[in-house]
Amino acid sequence: MATTPVRIPSDVHSETKQLAAMRGQQQGDLLATAWREYLERHKAQFAADLEQAAKILRDGTTSELAEFASRNAPARAEAAAARIRSKR
């Protein structure tokens, strides 16, 4: 299996390392399993989002597409600000 380093918050690293050890797994295997489960659980929402984007591409305007693509920007910005505040 090919591996690639990724950056994750230190608390997540510590928690997944401990949990993997308790389960007798490698940390990467635990995270890969969690990622696959996340994708499976959210498959319907991903499909709906892709269909919505395709509909806008077919029938909408670039402004509508930009609005759709940035609909979560305020929440992402707040989460990033919270991470920065927590590191102070």
Protein backbone atom coordinates (compact mmCIF):
# COMPACT_ATOMS: atom_id res chain seq x y z
CA MET A 1 0.00 0.00 0.00
CA ALA A 2 1.33 3.43 -0.92
CA THR A 3 1.56 5.92 1.89
CA THR A 4 1.52 9.70 1.96
CA PRO A 5 2.09 11.87 5.01
CA VAL A 6 -0.79 14.13 6.01
CA ARG A 7 -1.03 16.84 8.65
CA ILE A 8 -3.68 16.32 11.31
CA PRO A 9 -4.23 18.15 14.57
CA SER A 10 -2.06 16.81 17.39
CA ASP A 11 -5.09 15.86 19.50
CA VAL A 12 -6.50 13.75 16.64
CA HIS A 13 -3.09 12.17 16.12
CA SER A 14 -2.83 11.27 19.79
CA GLU A 15 -6.39 9.91 20.00
CA THR A 16 -6.13 7.81 16.86
CA LYS A 17 -2.73 6.49 17.90
CA GLN A 18 -4.12 5.37 21.27
CA LEU A 19 -7.27 3.88 19.77
CA ALA A 20 -5.33 2.02 17.09
CA ALA A 21 -3.02 0.58 19.75
CA MET A 22 -6.01 -0.54 21.82
CA ARG A 23 -7.49 -2.27 18.78
CA GLY A 24 -4.19 -3.77 17.64
CA GLN A 25 -4.24 -1.78 14.40
CA GLN A 26 -1.93 0.57 12.63
CA GLN A 27 -2.96 4.19 12.96
CA GLY A 28 -3.16 4.61 9.18
CA ASP A 29 -5.47 1.59 8.87
CA LEU A 30 -7.77 3.03 11.53
CA LEU A 31 -7.92 6.38 9.74
CA ALA A 32 -8.47 4.72 6.35
CA THR A 33 -11.40 2.73 7.78
CA ALA A 34 -12.88 5.88 9.32
CA TRP A 35 -12.54 7.73 6.00
CA ARG A 36 -14.30 4.94 4.09
CA GLU A 37 -17.12 4.88 6.63
CA TYR A 38 -17.47 8.66 6.35
CA LEU A 39 -17.72 8.45 2.56
CA GLU A 40 -20.31 5.68 2.78
CA ARG A 41 -22.44 7.52 5.33
CA HIS A 42 -22.40 10.75 3.30
CA LYS A 43 -22.71 9.23 -0.17
CA ALA A 44 -26.25 10.51 -0.69
CA GLN A 45 -25.28 14.08 0.25
CA PHE A 46 -22.22 13.98 -2.03
CA ALA A 47 -24.41 12.73 -4.88
CA ALA A 48 -27.00 15.45 -4.23
CA ASP A 49 -24.29 18.12 -4.21
CA LEU A 50 -22.83 16.84 -7.47
CA GLU A 51 -26.28 16.76 -9.07
CA GLN A 52 -26.98 20.30 -7.89
CA ALA A 53 -23.66 21.51 -9.32
CA ALA A 54 -24.34 19.71 -12.61
CA LYS A 55 -27.79 21.31 -12.82
CA ILE A 56 -26.30 24.75 -12.26
CA LEU A 57 -23.65 24.06 -14.91
CA ARG A 58 -26.37 22.99 -17.36
CA ASP A 59 -29.00 25.63 -16.64
CA GLY A 60 -27.58 28.27 -14.33
CA THR A 61 -25.20 31.16 -14.33
CA THR A 62 -21.62 31.46 -13.20
CA SER A 63 -22.86 33.59 -10.29
CA GLU A 64 -25.16 30.79 -9.15
CA LEU A 65 -22.31 28.30 -9.44
CA ALA A 66 -20.01 30.56 -7.41
CA GLU A 67 -22.72 30.98 -4.76
CA PHE A 68 -23.23 27.21 -4.57
CA ALA A 69 -19.50 26.51 -4.38
CA SER A 70 -18.97 29.03 -1.60
CA ARG A 71 -22.08 28.21 0.44
CA ASN A 72 -19.99 26.75 3.28
CA ALA A 73 -17.30 29.44 3.24
CA PRO A 74 -18.56 31.27 6.36
CA ALA A 75 -18.56 28.06 8.43
CA ARG A 76 -15.10 27.09 7.14
CA ALA A 77 -13.77 30.56 7.95
CA GLU A 78 -15.19 30.41 11.48
CA ALA A 79 -13.68 26.95 12.04
CA ALA A 80 -10.29 28.21 10.85
CA ALA A 81 -10.52 31.23 13.14
CA ALA A 82 -11.42 28.97 16.07
CA ARG A 83 -8.37 26.81 15.38
CA ILE A 84 -6.15 29.88 15.33
CA ARG A 85 -7.67 31.18 18.58
CA SER A 86 -7.17 27.82 20.28
CA LYS A 87 -3.45 27.84 19.45
CA ARG A 88 -2.86 31.14 21.23
